[in-house]
C-alpha atoms as a PDB file:
ATOM      1  CA  MET A   1     -74.869-160.515  38.191  1.00  0.00           C
ATOM      2  CA  THR A   2     -72.963-163.464  39.638  1.00  0.00           C
ATOM      3  CA  LEU A   3     -69.183-163.363  39.441  1.00  0.00           C
ATOM      4  CA  VAL A   4     -66.830-166.079  40.553  1.00  0.00           C
ATOM      5  CA  MET A   5     -63.104-165.803  40.868  1.00  0.00           C
ATOM      6  CA  SER A   6     -61.082-168.868  41.638  1.00  0.00           C
ATOM      7  CA  THR A   7     -57.420-169.088  42.364  1.00  0.00           C
ATOM      8  CA  LEU A   8     -55.232-171.937  41.342  1.00  0.00           C
ATOM      9  CA  ALA A   9     -51.923-172.167  43.089  1.00  0.00           C
ATOM     10  CA  THR A  10     -49.471-174.885  42.265  1.00  0.00           C
ATOM     11  CA  LEU A  11     -46.111-175.536  43.768  1.00  0.00           C
ATOM     12  CA  THR A  12     -43.586-175.233  40.988  1.00  0.00           C
ATOM     13  CA  PRO A  13     -42.218-178.726  40.346  1.00  0.00           C
ATOM     14  CA  PHE A  14     -38.482-178.918  39.877  1.00  0.00           C
ATOM     15  CA  LEU A  15     -38.483-181.978  37.637  1.00  0.00           C
ATOM     16  CA  GLN A  16     -34.824-181.651  36.739  1.00  0.00           C
ATOM     17  CA  ASP A  17     -33.950-182.367  40.400  1.00  0.00           C
ATOM     18  CA  ILE A  18     -35.643-185.788  40.363  1.00  0.00           C
ATOM     19  CA  PRO A  19     -33.420-188.564  38.984  1.00  0.00           C
ATOM     20  CA  ASN A  20     -34.705-190.398  35.894  1.00  0.00           C
ATOM     21  CA  ILE A  21     -37.591-187.989  35.303  1.00  0.00           C
ATOM     22  CA  SER A  22     -37.521-186.488  31.848  1.00  0.00           C
ATOM     23  CA  LEU A  23     -39.347-183.534  30.401  1.00  0.00           C
ATOM     24  CA  PHE A  24     -39.249-185.276  27.034  1.00  0.00           C
ATOM     25  CA  PRO A  25     -41.873-187.999  26.410  1.00  0.00           C
ATOM     26  CA  SER A  26     -39.505-190.119  24.340  1.00  0.00           C
ATOM     27  CA  LYS A  27     -37.253-190.799  27.337  1.00  0.00           C
ATOM     28  CA  ALA A  28     -38.007-193.242  30.142  1.00  0.00           C
ATOM     29  CA  VAL A  29     -39.648-192.145  33.384  1.00  0.00           C
ATOM     30  CA  ASP A  30     -38.772-193.941  36.607  1.00  0.00           C
ATOM     31  CA  LEU A  31     -42.156-194.820  38.140  1.00  0.00           C
ATOM     32  CA  ALA A  32     -40.619-195.127  41.604  1.00  0.00           C
ATOM     33  CA  ASN A  33     -40.035-191.379  41.552  1.00  0.00           C
ATOM     34  CA  LEU A  34     -43.652-190.483  40.766  1.00  0.00           C
ATOM     35  CA  ALA A  35     -44.437-190.455  44.491  1.00  0.00           C
ATOM     36  CA  THR A  36     -41.700-187.846  44.912  1.00  0.00           C
ATOM     37  CA  MET A  37     -43.177-185.830  42.071  1.00  0.00           C
ATOM     38  CA  ASP A  38     -46.620-186.043  43.684  1.00  0.00           C
ATOM     39  CA  LYS A  39     -45.203-184.466  46.834  1.00  0.00           C
ATOM     40  CA  LEU A  40     -43.766-181.619  44.769  1.00  0.00           C
ATOM     41  CA  TYR A  41     -46.877-180.901  42.730  1.00  0.00           C
ATOM     42  CA  ASN A  42     -49.753-179.619  44.864  1.00  0.00           C
ATOM     43  CA  ILE A  43     -52.880-177.995  43.505  1.00  0.00           C
ATOM     44  CA  LEU A  44     -54.899-175.672  45.692  1.00  0.00           C
ATOM     45  CA  THR A  45     -58.129-174.030  44.612  1.00  0.00           C
ATOM     46  CA  GLY A  46     -60.456-171.487  46.093  1.00  0.00           C
ATOM     47  CA  ALA A  47     -63.282-169.196  45.056  1.00  0.00           C
ATOM     48  CA  VAL A  48     -64.505-165.723  45.865  1.00  0.00           C
ATOM     49  CA  ILE A  49     -68.159-165.357  44.940  1.00  0.00           C
ATOM     50  CA  ASN A  50     -69.795-162.002  44.341  1.00  0.00           C
ATOM     51  CA  SER A  51     -73.211-161.520  45.844  1.00  0.00           C
ATOM     52  CA  ASN A  52     -73.735-157.779  45.558  1.00  0.00           C
ATOM     53  CA  HIS A  53     -71.246-155.975  43.293  1.00  0.00           C
ATOM     54  CA  ILE A  54     -72.444-154.636  39.959  1.00  0.00           C
ATOM     55  CA  LYS A  55     -69.119-153.327  38.655  1.00  0.00           C
ATOM     56  CA  PRO A  56     -66.358-155.905  38.069  1.00  0.00           C
ATOM     57  CA  GLN A  57     -63.642-153.436  39.094  1.00  0.00           C
ATOM     58  CA  ARG A  58     -65.233-152.920  42.504  1.00  0.00           C
ATOM     59  CA  PHE A  59     -65.574-156.684  42.956  1.00  0.00           C
ATOM     60  CA  LEU A  60     -61.908-157.239  42.066  1.00  0.00           C
ATOM     61  CA  GLU A  61     -60.873-154.524  44.529  1.00  0.00           C
ATOM     62  CA  ASP A  62     -62.889-156.065  47.354  1.00  0.00           C
ATOM     63  CA  ALA A  63     -61.884-159.644  46.484  1.00  0.00           C
ATOM     64  CA  GLY A  64     -58.205-158.685  46.489  1.00  0.00           C
ATOM     65  CA  ASP A  65     -57.760-159.036  50.245  1.00  0.00           C
ATOM     66  CA  VAL A  66     -59.199-162.561  50.265  1.00  0.00           C
ATOM     67  CA  VAL A  67     -57.213-163.663  47.209  1.00  0.00           C
ATOM     68  CA  LEU A  68     -53.980-162.186  48.535  1.00  0.00           C
ATOM     69  CA  GLU A  69     -54.464-163.834  51.923  1.00  0.00           C
ATOM     70  CA  ARG A  70     -54.917-167.246  50.297  1.00  0.00           C
ATOM     71  CA  VAL A  71     -51.928-166.764  48.001  1.00  0.00           C
ATOM     72  CA  ARG A  72     -49.785-165.559  50.921  1.00  0.00           C
ATOM     73  CA  ASP A  73     -50.734-168.666  52.910  1.00  0.00           C
ATOM     74  CA  ALA A  74     -49.746-170.909  49.988  1.00  0.00           C
ATOM     75  CA  VAL A  75     -46.406-169.108  49.589  1.00  0.00           C
ATOM     76  CA  GLU A  76     -45.742-169.457  53.327  1.00  0.00           C
ATOM     77  CA  ARG A  77     -46.339-173.206  53.098  1.00  0.00           C
ATOM     78  CA  HIS A  78     -44.527-173.898  49.824  1.00  0.00           C
ATOM     79  CA  ASP A  79     -42.034-171.010  49.350  1.00  0.00           C
ATOM     80  CA  SER A  80     -43.190-170.445  45.757  1.00  0.00           C
ATOM     81  CA  VAL A  81     -46.409-170.960  43.835  1.00  0.00           C
ATOM     82  CA  LYS A  82     -47.816-170.551  40.358  1.00  0.00           C
ATOM     83  CA  VAL A  83     -51.153-168.801  40.292  1.00  0.00           C
ATOM     84  CA  ASN A  84     -53.803-168.114  37.714  1.00  0.00           C
ATOM     85  CA  ILE A  85     -57.212-166.576  38.150  1.00  0.00           C
ATOM     86  CA  ALA A  86     -60.450-167.505  36.409  1.00  0.00           C
ATOM     87  CA  PHE A  87     -63.065-164.762  36.284  1.00  0.00           C
ATOM     88  CA  ASN A  88     -66.569-165.860  35.327  1.00  0.00           C
ATOM     89  CA  GLY A  89     -69.255-163.238  35.012  1.00  0.00           C
ATOM     90  CA  GLU A  90     -72.849-163.045  33.905  1.00  0.00           C
ATOM     91  CA  PHE A  91     -73.706-159.683  32.396  1.00  0.00           C
ATOM     92  CA  ALA A  92     -77.245-158.534  31.752  1.00  0.00           C
ATOM     93  CA  THR A  93     -78.840-155.670  29.882  1.00  0.00           C
ATOM     94  CA  LYS A  94     -82.544-155.028  29.538  1.00  0.00           C
ATOM     95  CA  ASP A  95     -83.077-157.790  27.015  1.00  0.00           C
ATOM     96  CA  LYS A  96     -79.814-159.791  26.851  1.00  0.00           C
ATOM     97  CA  ARG A  97     -77.720-161.956  29.126  1.00  0.00           C
ATOM     98  CA  ALA A  98     -74.147-162.968  28.364  1.00  0.00           C
ATOM     99  CA  ASN A  99     -71.531-165.010  30.182  1.00  0.00           C
ATOM    100  CA  LYS A 100     -67.891-164.009  30.014  1.00  0.00           C
ATOM    101  CA  SER A 101     -64.919-166.077  31.206  1.00  0.00           C
ATOM    102  CA  ILE A 102     -61.383-164.784  31.461  1.00  0.00           C
ATOM    103  CA  ILE A 103     -58.444-166.868  32.639  1.00  0.00           C
ATOM    104  CA  THR A 104     -55.180-165.141  33.435  1.00  0.00           C
ATOM    105  CA  LYS A 105     -51.780-166.566  32.564  1.00  0.00           C
ATOM    106  CA  ASN A 106     -49.887-168.524  35.204  1.00  0.00           C
ATOM    107  CA  SER A 107     -47.537-166.328  37.167  1.00  0.00           C
ATOM    108  CA  GLU A 108     -44.895-167.355  39.658  1.00  0.00           C
ATOM    109  CA  ILE A 109     -44.983-165.877  43.127  1.00  0.00           C
ATOM    110  CA  TYR A 110     -42.168-166.031  45.666  1.00  0.00           C
ATOM    111  CA  ARG A 111     -41.805-164.819  49.235  1.00  0.00           C
ATOM    112  CA  CYS A 112     -40.148-161.642  47.939  1.00  0.00           C
ATOM    113  CA  THR A 113     -42.964-160.844  45.462  1.00  0.00           C
ATOM    114  CA  ASP A 114     -44.860-157.609  46.045  1.00  0.00           C
ATOM    115  CA  MET A 115     -48.330-159.139  46.347  1.00  0.00           C
ATOM    116  CA  HIS A 116     -50.316-155.945  45.744  1.00  0.00           C
ATOM    117  CA  GLU A 117     -48.330-155.150  42.599  1.00  0.00           C
ATOM    118  CA  TRP A 118     -48.753-158.767  41.424  1.00  0.00           C
ATOM    119  CA  TYR A 119     -52.528-158.590  41.987  1.00  0.00           C
ATOM    120  CA  GLU A 120     -52.852-155.354  40.018  1.00  0.00           C
ATOM    121  CA  ARG A 121     -50.597-156.419  37.104  1.00  0.00           C
ATOM    122  CA  HIS A 122     -51.546-160.103  36.837  1.00  0.00           C
ATOM    123  CA  VAL A 123     -55.175-160.132  37.972  1.00  0.00           C
ATOM    124  CA  VAL A 124     -56.974-156.781  37.789  1.00  0.00           C
ATOM    125  CA  GLU A 125     -55.492-155.420  34.545  1.00  0.00           C
ATOM    126  CA  PRO A 126     -55.711-158.679  32.518  1.00  0.00           C
ATOM    127  CA  ILE A 127     -59.334-159.155  33.591  1.00  0.00           C
ATOM    128  CA  LEU A 128     -60.613-155.594  33.216  1.00  0.00           C
ATOM    129  CA  ALA A 129     -59.129-154.958  29.739  1.00  0.00           C
ATOM    130  CA  PRO A 130     -61.098-157.731  27.958  1.00  0.00           C
ATOM    131  CA  LEU A 131     -64.196-156.932  30.035  1.00  0.00           C
ATOM    132  CA  GLU A 132     -64.114-153.316  28.847  1.00  0.00           C
ATOM    133  CA  GLU A 133     -63.818-154.488  25.223  1.00  0.00           C
ATOM    134  CA  PHE A 134     -66.666-156.941  25.785  1.00  0.00           C
ATOM    135  CA  GLN A 135     -68.923-154.262  27.274  1.00  0.00           C
ATOM    136  CA  GLU A 136     -68.079-151.706  24.541  1.00  0.00           C
ATOM    137  CA  ARG A 137     -68.744-154.232  21.785  1.00  0.00           C
ATOM    138  CA  ASP A 138     -72.095-155.251  23.227  1.00  0.00           C
ATOM    139  CA  SER A 139     -73.245-151.732  24.080  1.00  0.00           C
ATOM    140  CA  GLY A 140     -72.904-150.227  20.640  1.00  0.00           C
END
């Protein structure tokens, strides 16, 4: 079984603070301010690759330290980030193989966020629930 978890952290852009930038496509956008927007909008990615775990829960537990360290570093640099996690797993039985992808919703993280609580509520739980349904459906 090969599992990959990647983190996507983006600095939350505060578009309303940039003059002449509109959230509505019908209004004009000042191209001179796009460089400013580029400085505000950073995308960071990373991956934690499983090489020996069989159970997804155990992998998520062990990967937590690495993920949290990377998210903490991004928060230290940018003050706040938006993060989502993509879990990709290959599951095998005696005669079948199946791939399963789960992408969590974006969640905002600030310096005051309890990182361990965030990881449990926004990563572990949203990934394990659909995996359990997937495994139950395919086992019976």
